[in-house]
Amino acid sequence: MKTRPTGNTSNADWMGSLCPALTSMPLKHLAVPGSHDSFSFWVDEQAPVGPDQKAYVKHLVAIFRFLAKKVMKKWSMTQNLTFREQLEGGIRYFDLRVSSKPGEPGHEIYFIHGLFGHNVRDGLNDINNFLNIHKKEVVFLDFNHHYAMSEEHHHYLIKMLKDVFGHKLCRIDVVEDITLNYLWENRYQVLVFYHHPTAESCPVIWPGSKIPAPWANTTDATKLIQFLETTLGERAKYGSFHVSQAILTPRVKTIARGLVRGLRNYLVEKNLPTIMTWVEAQKPGIDGVNIITSDFVELVDFANTVIKLNNLLIKDRPGT
């Protein structure tokens, strides 16, 4: 399976191009494409193994060093496109896992998925630069895993989010009231979700409970689809945004079998047709999909497929 060209910018302004019937709907009813482990397009093989890894992984790396890190890289990277390229392609939800580097002075925070990625500030600046140009585009930033972070680290990151995005940060409100029209009127472009109690007193940082992302934790595409259907059926009772993680998760034995091939070649590519068939059959709305995430979003026409689902909402409106 060949990677699609990374220069696709056709969806850079897709939210701003939606018809008024859709921009007045609650954002939780629209279909929004997202990426899984959004920052993993680059990992640092020179840095220590991340604190998110189990002891036996760290032990193997201590023995095999760079060879082990080469293997880790193949299984840690779930995206090829940078933040800017993902945004230009239509991705609007970012799954973010962060960590300090134990032993490093100061409070710098880095993206993490087995291996350390770029520092968070650089990534946030890239996103903000895109939003400065595309004034009607809105992003979800979901900080759902934090490693080796003290209270000082959390305060440092929260202040960083305020410093980078400023007035673009959407204040916490009733989820049902959050429409694109509402966001545009208030010049909001960023909804930050933070899965840690440190942010509870901050009016512009939404609690993680407002964006549940049930995880199937399976290598079986059929079981994944069943899980996605079940959790969609339960979403209405939460009154929140909702993430359908259309991803497969490798187990230790999966990695052992496909050691040198990596996540993309061994697990993702062969199962993408099944997953995309499910995505294409979905419908947004009250009981339908909201945010859908995928690995390697450029391998198929993922973002475009999700965005086009919103046309189904127009067809259902009276008089259409």
C-alpha atoms as a PDB file:
ATOM      1  CA  MET A   1       0.000   0.000   0.000  1.00  0.00           C
ATOM      2  CA  LYS A   2       1.506   3.308  -1.050  1.00  0.00           C
ATOM      3  CA  THR A   3       1.442   6.421   1.052  1.00  0.00           C
ATOM      4  CA  ARG A   4      -0.658   9.247  -0.330  1.00  0.00           C
ATOM      5  CA  PRO A   5       1.216  12.471  -1.167  1.00  0.00           C
ATOM      6  CA  THR A   6       1.814  14.579   1.929  1.00  0.00           C
ATOM      7  CA  GLY A   7       1.142  17.840   0.091  1.00  0.00           C
ATOM      8  CA  ASN A   8      -2.653  17.422   0.213  1.00  0.00           C
ATOM      9  CA  THR A   9      -4.100  20.743   1.387  1.00  0.00           C
ATOM     10  CA  SER A  10      -7.613  20.344  -0.002  1.00  0.00           C
ATOM     11  CA  ASN A  11      -9.157  20.035   3.475  1.00  0.00           C
ATOM     12  CA  ALA A  12      -7.260  22.901   5.103  1.00  0.00           C
ATOM     13  CA  ASP A  13     -10.485  24.937   5.459  1.00  0.00           C
ATOM     14  CA  TRP A  14     -13.152  22.252   5.570  1.00  0.00           C
ATOM     15  CA  MET A  15     -14.865  23.502   8.732  1.00  0.00           C
ATOM     16  CA  GLY A  16     -15.108  27.022   7.380  1.00  0.00           C
ATOM     17  CA  SER A  17     -16.602  25.628   4.170  1.00  0.00           C
ATOM     18  CA  LEU A  18     -19.496  23.770   5.825  1.00  0.00           C
ATOM     19  CA  CYS A  19     -23.017  24.988   5.079  1.00  0.00           C
ATOM     20  CA  PRO A  20     -24.932  27.017   7.716  1.00  0.00           C
ATOM     21  CA  ALA A  21     -27.149  24.036   8.535  1.00  0.00           C
ATOM     22  CA  LEU A  22     -24.053  22.209   9.821  1.00  0.00           C
ATOM     23  CA  THR A  23     -22.259  25.134  11.466  1.00  0.00           C
ATOM     24  CA  SER A  24     -25.326  25.691  13.670  1.00  0.00           C
ATOM     25  CA  MET A  25     -25.388  22.052  14.843  1.00  0.00           C
ATOM     26  CA  PRO A  26     -23.684  20.985  18.092  1.00  0.00           C
ATOM     27  CA  LEU A  27     -20.096  20.091  17.294  1.00  0.00           C
ATOM     28  CA  LYS A  28     -20.595  16.801  19.132  1.00  0.00           C
ATOM     29  CA  HIS A  29     -22.970  15.763  16.312  1.00  0.00           C
ATOM     30  CA  LEU A  30     -20.530  16.419  13.466  1.00  0.00           C
ATOM     31  CA  ALA A  31     -18.074  13.885  12.046  1.00  0.00           C
ATOM     32  CA  VAL A  32     -14.488  14.994  12.725  1.00  0.00           C
ATOM     33  CA  PRO A  33     -11.323  13.150  11.604  1.00  0.00           C
ATOM     34  CA  GLY A  34      -8.577  12.645  14.172  1.00  0.00           C
ATOM     35  CA  SER A  35      -5.221  10.923  14.480  1.00  0.00           C
ATOM     36  CA  HIS A  36      -4.012   8.379  17.036  1.00  0.00           C
ATOM     37  CA  ASP A  37      -0.734   9.191  18.814  1.00  0.00           C
ATOM     38  CA  SER A  38      -0.779  12.277  16.638  1.00  0.00           C
ATOM     39  CA  PHE A  39       2.775  13.414  17.425  1.00  0.00           C
ATOM     40  CA  SER A  40       4.587  10.141  16.685  1.00  0.00           C
ATOM     41  CA  PHE A  41       5.737  11.167  13.197  1.00  0.00           C
ATOM     42  CA  TRP A  42       9.180  11.676  14.760  1.00  0.00           C
ATOM     43  CA  VAL A  43      10.792   9.925  17.718  1.00  0.00           C
ATOM     44  CA  ASP A  44      14.253  10.388  19.192  1.00  0.00           C
ATOM     45  CA  GLU A  45      16.302   7.199  19.013  1.00  0.00           C
ATOM     46  CA  GLN A  46      19.140   8.890  20.884  1.00  0.00           C
ATOM     47  CA  ALA A  47      17.087   9.693  23.997  1.00  0.00           C
ATOM     48  CA  PRO A  48      16.380   7.227  26.817  1.00  0.00           C
ATOM     49  CA  VAL A  49      13.346   4.949  26.605  1.00  0.00           C
ATOM     50  CA  GLY A  50      10.247   6.736  27.861  1.00  0.00           C
ATOM     51  CA  PRO A  51       8.773   6.274  31.358  1.00  0.00           C
ATOM     52  CA  ASP A  52       5.588   4.986  29.722  1.00  0.00           C
ATOM     53  CA  GLN A  53       7.333   1.659  29.005  1.00  0.00           C
ATOM     54  CA  LYS A  54       7.331  -1.455  31.173  1.00  0.00           C
ATOM     55  CA  ALA A  55      10.473  -2.580  33.013  1.00  0.00           C
ATOM     56  CA  TYR A  56      11.142  -5.519  30.673  1.00  0.00           C
ATOM     57  CA  VAL A  57      11.235  -3.169  27.642  1.00  0.00           C
ATOM     58  CA  LYS A  58      13.768  -0.933  29.380  1.00  0.00           C
ATOM     59  CA  HIS A  59      15.798  -4.052  30.252  1.00  0.00           C
ATOM     60  CA  LEU A  60      15.861  -5.202  26.618  1.00  0.00           C
ATOM     61  CA  VAL A  61      16.940  -1.771  25.450  1.00  0.00           C
ATOM     62  CA  ALA A  62      19.718  -1.743  28.044  1.00  0.00           C
ATOM     63  CA  ILE A  63      21.017  -5.004  26.540  1.00  0.00           C
ATOM     64  CA  PHE A  64      20.458  -4.458  22.807  1.00  0.00           C
ATOM     65  CA  ARG A  65      20.697  -0.645  22.784  1.00  0.00           C
ATOM     66  CA  PHE A  66      20.209   0.914  19.332  1.00  0.00           C
ATOM     67  CA  LEU A  67      18.962  -2.320  17.734  1.00  0.00           C
ATOM     68  CA  ALA A  68      16.135  -2.442  20.270  1.00  0.00           C
ATOM     69  CA  LYS A  69      15.344   1.227  19.678  1.00  0.00           C
ATOM     70  CA  LYS A  70      15.134   0.626  15.924  1.00  0.00           C
ATOM     71  CA  VAL A  71      12.475  -2.004  16.599  1.00  0.00           C
ATOM     72  CA  MET A  72      10.705   0.269  19.092  1.00  0.00           C
ATOM     73  CA  LYS A  73      10.600   3.036  16.485  1.00  0.00           C
ATOM     74  CA  LYS A  74       8.844   0.754  13.994  1.00  0.00           C
ATOM     75  CA  TRP A  75       6.151   0.015  16.574  1.00  0.00           C
ATOM     76  CA  SER A  76       5.972   3.463  18.234  1.00  0.00           C
ATOM     77  CA  MET A  77       5.363   5.524  15.119  1.00  0.00           C
ATOM     78  CA  THR A  78       1.660   5.598  14.236  1.00  0.00           C
ATOM     79  CA  GLN A  79       1.762   8.632  11.932  1.00  0.00           C
ATOM     80  CA  ASN A  80       3.914   9.823   9.034  1.00  0.00           C
ATOM     81  CA  LEU A  81       2.583  13.362   8.660  1.00  0.00           C
ATOM     82  CA  THR A  82       3.631  16.377  10.731  1.00  0.00           C
ATOM     83  CA  PHE A  83       1.050  18.427  12.634  1.00  0.00           C
ATOM     84  CA  ARG A  84       0.901  20.939   9.780  1.00  0.00           C
ATOM     85  CA  GLU A  85       0.448  18.231   7.159  1.00  0.00           C
ATOM     86  CA  GLN A  86      -2.256  16.543   9.236  1.00  0.00           C
ATOM     87  CA  LEU A  87      -4.069  19.854   9.663  1.00  0.00           C
ATOM     88  CA  GLU A  88      -3.858  20.663   5.967  1.00  0.00           C
ATOM     89  CA  GLY A  89      -5.264  17.215   5.213  1.00  0.00           C
ATOM     90  CA  GLY A  90      -8.282  17.821   7.463  1.00  0.00           C
ATOM     91  CA  ILE A  91      -7.321  16.252  10.824  1.00  0.00           C
ATOM     92  CA  ARG A  92      -8.866  18.237  13.681  1.00  0.00           C
ATOM     93  CA  TYR A  93      -8.496  15.982  16.741  1.00  0.00           C
ATOM     94  CA  PHE A  94      -5.065  15.259  18.229  1.00  0.00           C
ATOM     95  CA  ASP A  95      -4.365  12.440  20.679  1.00  0.00           C
ATOM     96  CA  LEU A  96      -1.506  13.730  22.861  1.00  0.00           C
ATOM     97  CA  ARG A  97       0.636  11.831  25.381  1.00  0.00           C
ATOM     98  CA  VAL A  98       3.277  13.799  27.235  1.00  0.00           C
ATOM     99  CA  SER A  99       6.150  13.324  29.652  1.00  0.00           C
ATOM    100  CA  SER A 100       9.084  15.026  31.280  1.00  0.00           C
ATOM    101  CA  LYS A 101      12.545  13.538  30.764  1.00  0.00           C
ATOM    102  CA  PRO A 102      13.473  12.102  34.162  1.00  0.00           C
ATOM    103  CA  GLY A 103      16.711  13.631  35.381  1.00  0.00           C
ATOM    104  CA  GLU A 104      16.529  16.616  33.028  1.00  0.00           C
ATOM    105  CA  PRO A 105      16.633  19.989  34.835  1.00  0.00           C
ATOM    106  CA  GLY A 106      13.714  22.371  34.410  1.00  0.00           C
ATOM    107  CA  HIS A 107      10.144  21.506  33.492  1.00  0.00           C
ATOM    108  CA  GLU A 108      10.309  20.877  29.752  1.00  0.00           C
ATOM    109  CA  ILE A 109       7.583  18.535  28.444  1.00  0.00           C
ATOM    110  CA  TYR A 110       7.876  16.194  25.452  1.00  0.00           C
ATOM    111  CA  PHE A 111       5.507  14.062  23.422  1.00  0.00           C
ATOM    112  CA  ILE A 112       5.954  10.373  24.206  1.00  0.00           C
ATOM    113  CA  HIS A 113       5.066   6.981  22.786  1.00  0.00           C
ATOM    114  CA  GLY A 114       7.688   4.503  23.862  1.00  0.00           C
ATOM    115  CA  LEU A 115      10.364   6.913  22.667  1.00  0.00           C
ATOM    116  CA  PHE A 116      10.445  10.658  23.196  1.00  0.00           C
ATOM    117  CA  GLY A 117       9.235  12.954  20.433  1.00  0.00           C
ATOM    118  CA  HIS A 118       9.476  16.724  19.899  1.00  0.00           C
ATOM    119  CA  ASN A 119       9.039  19.063  22.815  1.00  0.00           C
ATOM    120  CA  VAL A 120       5.412  20.045  23.289  1.00  0.00           C
ATOM    121  CA  ARG A 121       5.888  23.780  22.818  1.00  0.00           C
ATOM    122  CA  ASP A 122       7.178  23.311  19.263  1.00  0.00           C
ATOM    123  CA  GLY A 123       4.174  21.151  18.387  1.00  0.00           C
ATOM    124  CA  LEU A 124       1.699  23.631  19.867  1.00  0.00           C
ATOM    125  CA  ASN A 125       3.344  26.485  17.956  1.00  0.00           C
ATOM    126  CA  ASP A 126       2.970  24.534  14.705  1.00  0.00           C
ATOM    127  CA  ILE A 127      -0.743  24.080  15.392  1.00  0.00           C
ATOM    128  CA  ASN A 128      -1.173  27.725  16.368  1.00  0.00           C
ATOM    129  CA  ASN A 129       0.583  28.920  13.212  1.00  0.00           C
ATOM    130  CA  PHE A 130      -1.932  26.959  11.140  1.00  0.00           C
ATOM    131  CA  LEU A 131      -4.864  28.404  13.096  1.00  0.00           C
ATOM    132  CA  ASN A 132      -3.555  31.943  12.614  1.00  0.00           C
ATOM    133  CA  ILE A 133      -3.988  31.467   8.858  1.00  0.00           C
ATOM    134  CA  HIS A 134      -7.163  29.364   8.894  1.00  0.00           C
ATOM    135  CA  LYS A 135      -9.384  31.428  11.186  1.00  0.00           C
ATOM    136  CA  LYS A 136     -12.476  29.218  10.981  1.00  0.00           C
ATOM    137  CA  GLU A 137     -10.787  25.905  11.734  1.00  0.00           C
ATOM    138  CA  VAL A 138     -11.145  24.394  15.207  1.00  0.00           C
ATOM    139  CA  VAL A 139      -9.012  21.721  16.853  1.00  0.00           C
ATOM    140  CA  PHE A 140      -9.452  19.299  19.753  1.00  0.00           C
ATOM    141  CA  LEU A 141      -6.265  18.767  21.782  1.00  0.00           C
ATOM    142  CA  ASP A 142      -6.662  15.742  24.054  1.00  0.00           C
ATOM    143  CA  PHE A 143      -3.908  15.439  26.682  1.00  0.00           C
ATOM    144  CA  ASN A 144      -4.881  11.996  27.909  1.00  0.00           C
ATOM    145  CA  HIS A 145      -1.647  10.475  29.241  1.00  0.00           C
ATOM    146  CA  HIS A 146       0.929  12.174  31.461  1.00  0.00           C
ATOM    147  CA  TYR A 147       4.157  10.501  32.591  1.00  0.00           C
ATOM    148  CA  ALA A 148       6.831  11.507  35.105  1.00  0.00           C
ATOM    149  CA  MET A 149       5.081  14.829  35.682  1.00  0.00           C
ATOM    150  CA  SER A 150       4.986  16.626  39.032  1.00  0.00           C
ATOM    151  CA  GLU A 151       2.476  19.340  39.915  1.00  0.00           C
ATOM    152  CA  GLU A 152       5.066  21.851  38.708  1.00  0.00           C
ATOM    153  CA  HIS A 153       5.238  20.113  35.320  1.00  0.00           C
ATOM    154  CA  HIS A 154       1.446  20.242  34.995  1.00  0.00           C
ATOM    155  CA  HIS A 155       1.310  23.931  35.883  1.00  0.00           C
ATOM    156  CA  TYR A 156       4.110  24.584  33.396  1.00  0.00           C
ATOM    157  CA  LEU A 157       2.164  22.821  30.609  1.00  0.00           C
ATOM    158  CA  ILE A 158      -1.128  24.537  31.430  1.00  0.00           C
ATOM    159  CA  LYS A 159       0.596  27.938  31.389  1.00  0.00           C
ATOM    160  CA  MET A 160       2.218  26.983  28.070  1.00  0.00           C
ATOM    161  CA  LEU A 161      -1.197  26.227  26.555  1.00  0.00           C
ATOM    162  CA  LYS A 162      -2.478  29.639  27.674  1.00  0.00           C
ATOM    163  CA  ASP A 163       0.625  31.410  26.413  1.00  0.00           C
ATOM    164  CA  VAL A 164       0.562  29.762  22.989  1.00  0.00           C
ATOM    165  CA  PHE A 165      -3.170  29.884  22.223  1.00  0.00           C
ATOM    166  CA  GLY A 166      -4.397  32.844  24.314  1.00  0.00           C
ATOM    167  CA  HIS A 167      -7.896  33.962  23.303  1.00  0.00           C
ATOM    168  CA  LYS A 168      -8.309  30.958  20.989  1.00  0.00           C
ATOM    169  CA  LEU A 169      -8.932  28.665  23.990  1.00  0.00           C
ATOM    170  CA  CYS A 170     -12.619  27.818  24.313  1.00  0.00           C
ATOM    171  CA  ARG A 171     -14.032  28.250  27.821  1.00  0.00           C
ATOM    172  CA  ILE A 172     -15.800  25.295  29.412  1.00  0.00           C
ATOM    173  CA  ASP A 173     -19.514  25.420  28.626  1.00  0.00           C
ATOM    174  CA  VAL A 174     -22.468  23.112  28.007  1.00  0.00           C
ATOM    175  CA  VAL A 175     -21.303  20.678  25.312  1.00  0.00           C
ATOM    176  CA  GLU A 176     -24.655  20.917  23.530  1.00  0.00           C
ATOM    177  CA  ASP A 177     -24.115  24.665  23.054  1.00  0.00           C
ATOM    178  CA  ILE A 178     -20.750  24.326  21.324  1.00  0.00           C
ATOM    179  CA  THR A 179     -21.357  24.885  17.620  1.00  0.00           C
ATOM    180  CA  LEU A 180     -18.991  26.213  14.990  1.00  0.00           C
ATOM    181  CA  ASN A 181     -21.070  29.402  14.874  1.00  0.00           C
ATOM    182  CA  TYR A 182     -20.629  29.835  18.640  1.00  0.00           C
ATOM    183  CA  LEU A 183     -16.883  29.243  18.371  1.00  0.00           C
ATOM    184  CA  TRP A 184     -16.504  31.677  15.485  1.00  0.00           C
ATOM    185  CA  GLU A 185     -18.510  34.383  17.262  1.00  0.00           C
ATOM    186  CA  ASN A 186     -16.190  34.124  20.259  1.00  0.00           C
ATOM    187  CA  ARG A 187     -13.004  33.692  18.168  1.00  0.00           C
ATOM    188  CA  TYR A 188     -12.380  30.327  19.809  1.00  0.00           C
ATOM    189  CA  GLN A 189     -10.369  27.766  17.835  1.00  0.00           C
ATOM    190  CA  VAL A 190      -8.960  25.365  20.431  1.00  0.00           C
ATOM    191  CA  LEU A 191     -10.683  22.968  22.802  1.00  0.00           C
ATOM    192  CA  VAL A 192      -8.139  21.507  25.229  1.00  0.00           C
ATOM    193  CA  PHE A 193      -9.019  18.405  27.244  1.00  0.00           C
ATOM    194  CA  TYR A 194      -6.798  17.492  30.186  1.00  0.00           C
ATOM    195  CA  HIS A 195      -7.033  14.171  31.997  1.00  0.00           C
ATOM    196  CA  HIS A 196      -5.502  15.255  35.303  1.00  0.00           C
ATOM    197  CA  PRO A 197      -7.008  17.041  38.345  1.00  0.00           C
ATOM    198  CA  THR A 198      -4.406  19.844  38.232  1.00  0.00           C
ATOM    199  CA  ALA A 199      -6.414  21.563  35.498  1.00  0.00           C
ATOM    200  CA  GLU A 200      -9.788  21.346  37.260  1.00  0.00           C
ATOM    201  CA  SER A 201      -9.813  24.996  38.340  1.00  0.00           C
ATOM    202  CA  CYS A 202      -8.876  26.326  34.903  1.00  0.00           C
ATOM    203  CA  PRO A 203     -11.910  27.672  32.967  1.00  0.00           C
ATOM    204  CA  VAL A 204     -10.299  27.180  29.526  1.00  0.00           C
ATOM    205  CA  ILE A 205      -9.111  23.593  30.069  1.00  0.00           C
ATOM    206  CA  TRP A 206     -11.898  21.016  29.679  1.00  0.00           C
ATOM    207  CA  PRO A 207     -11.955  17.893  31.877  1.00  0.00           C
ATOM    208  CA  GLY A 208     -11.088  14.629  30.153  1.00  0.00           C
ATOM    209  CA  SER A 209     -14.513  13.260  31.085  1.00  0.00           C
ATOM    210  CA  LYS A 210     -16.023  15.487  28.395  1.00  0.00           C
ATOM    211  CA  ILE A 211     -14.302  13.549  25.616  1.00  0.00           C
ATOM    212  CA  PRO A 212     -14.413   9.798  26.352  1.00  0.00           C
ATOM    213  CA  ALA A 213     -12.358   7.652  23.946  1.00  0.00           C
ATOM    214  CA  PRO A 214     -13.151   3.980  24.629  1.00  0.00           C
ATOM    215  CA  TRP A 215     -10.240   1.707  23.708  1.00  0.00           C
ATOM    216  CA  ALA A 216     -10.837  -1.745  22.209  1.00  0.00           C
ATOM    217  CA  ASN A 217      -7.297  -2.989  22.942  1.00  0.00           C
ATOM    218  CA  THR A 218      -7.412  -5.721  20.300  1.00  0.00           C
ATOM    219  CA  THR A 219      -5.500  -6.907  17.241  1.00  0.00           C
ATOM    220  CA  ASP A 220      -8.679  -8.346  15.708  1.00  0.00           C
ATOM    221  CA  ALA A 221     -10.486  -6.040  13.255  1.00  0.00           C
ATOM    222  CA  THR A 222     -13.818  -7.841  13.743  1.00  0.00           C
ATOM    223  CA  LYS A 223     -13.659  -7.415  17.516  1.00  0.00           C
ATOM    224  CA  LEU A 224     -12.711  -3.782  17.013  1.00  0.00           C
ATOM    225  CA  ILE A 225     -15.806  -3.139  14.889  1.00  0.00           C
ATOM    226  CA  GLN A 226     -18.040  -4.840  17.456  1.00  0.00           C
ATOM    227  CA  PHE A 227     -16.519  -2.692  20.194  1.00  0.00           C
ATOM    228  CA  LEU A 228     -16.975   0.519  18.207  1.00  0.00           C
ATOM    229  CA  GLU A 229     -20.635  -0.306  17.605  1.00  0.00           C
ATOM    230  CA  THR A 230     -21.258  -1.106  21.273  1.00  0.00           C
ATOM    231  CA  THR A 231     -19.624   2.061  22.592  1.00  0.00           C
ATOM    232  CA  LEU A 232     -21.406   4.237  20.029  1.00  0.00           C
ATOM    233  CA  GLY A 233     -24.690   2.847  21.289  1.00  0.00           C
ATOM    234  CA  GLU A 234     -23.805   4.055  24.775  1.00  0.00           C
ATOM    235  CA  ARG A 235     -22.507   7.533  23.933  1.00  0.00           C
ATOM    236  CA  ALA A 236     -25.785   9.459  24.242  1.00  0.00           C
ATOM    237  CA  LYS A 237     -25.976   8.984  28.022  1.00  0.00           C
ATOM    238  CA  TYR A 238     -22.694  10.848  28.597  1.00  0.00           C
ATOM    239  CA  GLY A 239     -23.721  14.155  26.977  1.00  0.00           C
ATOM    240  CA  SER A 240     -20.190  14.746  25.758  1.00  0.00           C
ATOM    241  CA  PHE A 241     -17.985  14.673  22.712  1.00  0.00           C
ATOM    242  CA  HIS A 242     -17.026  11.131  21.703  1.00  0.00           C
ATOM    243  CA  VAL A 243     -13.964   9.527  20.146  1.00  0.00           C
ATOM    244  CA  SER A 244     -14.247   6.294  18.163  1.00  0.00           C
ATOM    245  CA  GLN A 245     -10.725   4.864  18.142  1.00  0.00           C
ATOM    246  CA  ALA A 246     -10.649   2.917  14.874  1.00  0.00           C
ATOM    247  CA  ILE A 247      -7.250   1.471  15.706  1.00  0.00           C
ATOM    248  CA  LEU A 248      -5.719  -1.921  16.452  1.00  0.00           C
ATOM    249  CA  THR A 249      -3.314  -2.366  19.353  1.00  0.00           C
ATOM    250  CA  PRO A 250      -0.369  -4.777  19.077  1.00  0.00           C
ATOM    251  CA  ARG A 251       0.335  -7.206  21.892  1.00  0.00           C
ATOM    252  CA  VAL A 252       3.785  -8.478  22.843  1.00  0.00           C
ATOM    253  CA  LYS A 253       3.367 -11.582  20.686  1.00  0.00           C
ATOM    254  CA  THR A 254       2.190  -9.421  17.768  1.00  0.00           C
ATOM    255  CA  ILE A 255       5.383  -7.400  17.957  1.00  0.00           C
ATOM    256  CA  ALA A 256       7.463 -10.588  18.263  1.00  0.00           C
ATOM    257  CA  ARG A 257       5.922 -12.033  15.091  1.00  0.00           C
ATOM    258  CA  GLY A 258       6.291  -8.852  13.066  1.00  0.00           C
ATOM    259  CA  LEU A 259       9.448  -7.641  14.765  1.00  0.00           C
ATOM    260  CA  VAL A 260      11.213  -6.019  11.825  1.00  0.00           C
ATOM    261  CA  ARG A 261       8.115  -5.152   9.782  1.00  0.00           C
ATOM    262  CA  GLY A 262       6.603  -2.755  12.304  1.00  0.00           C
ATOM    263  CA  LEU A 263       3.098  -1.549  13.092  1.00  0.00           C
ATOM    264  CA  ARG A 264       2.232  -0.179   9.677  1.00  0.00           C
ATOM    265  CA  ASN A 265       3.424  -3.112   7.558  1.00  0.00           C
ATOM    266  CA  TYR A 266       2.405  -5.931   9.892  1.00  0.00           C
ATOM    267  CA  LEU A 267      -0.870  -4.784  11.444  1.00  0.00           C
ATOM    268  CA  VAL A 268      -2.321  -1.564  10.005  1.00  0.00           C
ATOM    269  CA  GLU A 269      -2.197  -1.992   6.224  1.00  0.00           C
ATOM    270  CA  LYS A 270      -3.857  -5.409   6.028  1.00  0.00           C
ATOM    271  CA  ASN A 271      -6.726  -4.324   8.305  1.00  0.00           C
ATOM    272  CA  LEU A 272      -7.365  -0.844   6.897  1.00  0.00           C
ATOM    273  CA  PRO A 273      -9.913  -2.022   4.275  1.00  0.00           C
ATOM    274  CA  THR A 274     -12.096  -3.578   7.004  1.00  0.00           C
ATOM    275  CA  ILE A 275     -11.804  -0.502   9.218  1.00  0.00           C
ATOM    276  CA  MET A 276     -12.517   1.902   6.354  1.00  0.00           C
ATOM    277  CA  THR A 277     -15.577  -0.098   5.330  1.00  0.00           C
ATOM    278  CA  TRP A 278     -16.920   0.513   8.831  1.00  0.00           C
ATOM    279  CA  VAL A 279     -16.062   4.230   8.682  1.00  0.00           C
ATOM    280  CA  GLU A 280     -17.798   4.652   5.321  1.00  0.00           C
ATOM    281  CA  ALA A 281     -20.982   3.072   6.719  1.00  0.00           C
ATOM    282  CA  GLN A 282     -21.224   5.494   9.648  1.00  0.00           C
ATOM    283  CA  LYS A 283     -23.508   8.440  10.164  1.00  0.00           C
ATOM    284  CA  PRO A 284     -22.946  11.407  12.489  1.00  0.00           C
ATOM    285  CA  GLY A 285     -25.700  12.912  14.617  1.00  0.00           C
ATOM    286  CA  ILE A 286     -27.281  12.340  18.010  1.00  0.00           C
ATOM    287  CA  ASP A 287     -26.569   8.611  18.201  1.00  0.00           C
ATOM    288  CA  GLY A 288     -23.855   8.499  15.569  1.00  0.00           C
ATOM    289  CA  VAL A 289     -20.141   9.052  15.277  1.00  0.00           C
ATOM    290  CA  ASN A 290     -18.404  12.250  16.314  1.00  0.00           C
ATOM    291  CA  ILE A 291     -14.592  12.064  16.268  1.00  0.00           C
ATOM    292  CA  ILE A 292     -12.976   9.076  14.532  1.00  0.00           C
ATOM    293  CA  THR A 293      -9.249   8.428  14.907  1.00  0.00           C
ATOM    294  CA  SER A 294      -6.894   6.358  12.791  1.00  0.00           C
ATOM    295  CA  ASP A 295      -3.244   5.370  12.494  1.00  0.00           C
ATOM    296  CA  PHE A 296      -1.303   6.584   9.430  1.00  0.00           C
ATOM    297  CA  VAL A 297      -4.094   8.899   8.294  1.00  0.00           C
ATOM    298  CA  GLU A 298      -2.546   9.380   4.854  1.00  0.00           C
ATOM    299  CA  LEU A 299      -2.571   5.711   3.794  1.00  0.00           C
ATOM    300  CA  VAL A 300      -6.173   5.930   2.608  1.00  0.00           C
ATOM    301  CA  ASP A 301      -8.563   8.818   2.031  1.00  0.00           C
ATOM    302  CA  PHE A 302      -9.401   8.774   5.738  1.00  0.00           C
ATOM    303  CA  ALA A 303      -9.977  12.443   6.548  1.00  0.00           C
ATOM    304  CA  ASN A 304     -12.011  13.083   3.407  1.00  0.00           C
ATOM    305  CA  THR A 305     -14.155  10.021   4.068  1.00  0.00           C
ATOM    306  CA  VAL A 306     -14.981  11.188   7.607  1.00  0.00           C
ATOM    307  CA  ILE A 307     -15.669  14.786   6.555  1.00  0.00           C
ATOM    308  CA  LYS A 308     -18.077  13.658   3.819  1.00  0.00           C
ATOM    309  CA  LEU A 309     -20.190  11.821   6.393  1.00  0.00           C
ATOM    310  CA  ASN A 310     -21.520  15.232   7.430  1.00  0.00           C
ATOM    311  CA  ASN A 311     -23.434  15.435   4.155  1.00  0.00           C
ATOM    312  CA  LEU A 312     -25.772  12.782   5.568  1.00  0.00           C
ATOM    313  CA  LEU A 313     -26.926  15.278   8.202  1.00  0.00           C
ATOM    314  CA  ILE A 314     -28.013  17.735   5.520  1.00  0.00           C
ATOM    315  CA  LYS A 315     -30.030  15.092   3.646  1.00  0.00           C
ATOM    316  CA  ASP A 316     -31.997  14.328   6.820  1.00  0.00           C
ATOM    317  CA  ARG A 317     -33.088  17.888   7.454  1.00  0.00           C
ATOM    318  CA  PRO A 318     -36.730  18.791   6.664  1.00  0.00           C
ATOM    319  CA  GLY A 319     -37.142  20.265   3.210  1.00  0.00           C
ATOM    320  CA  THR A 320     -33.974  18.704   1.758  1.00  0.00           C
END
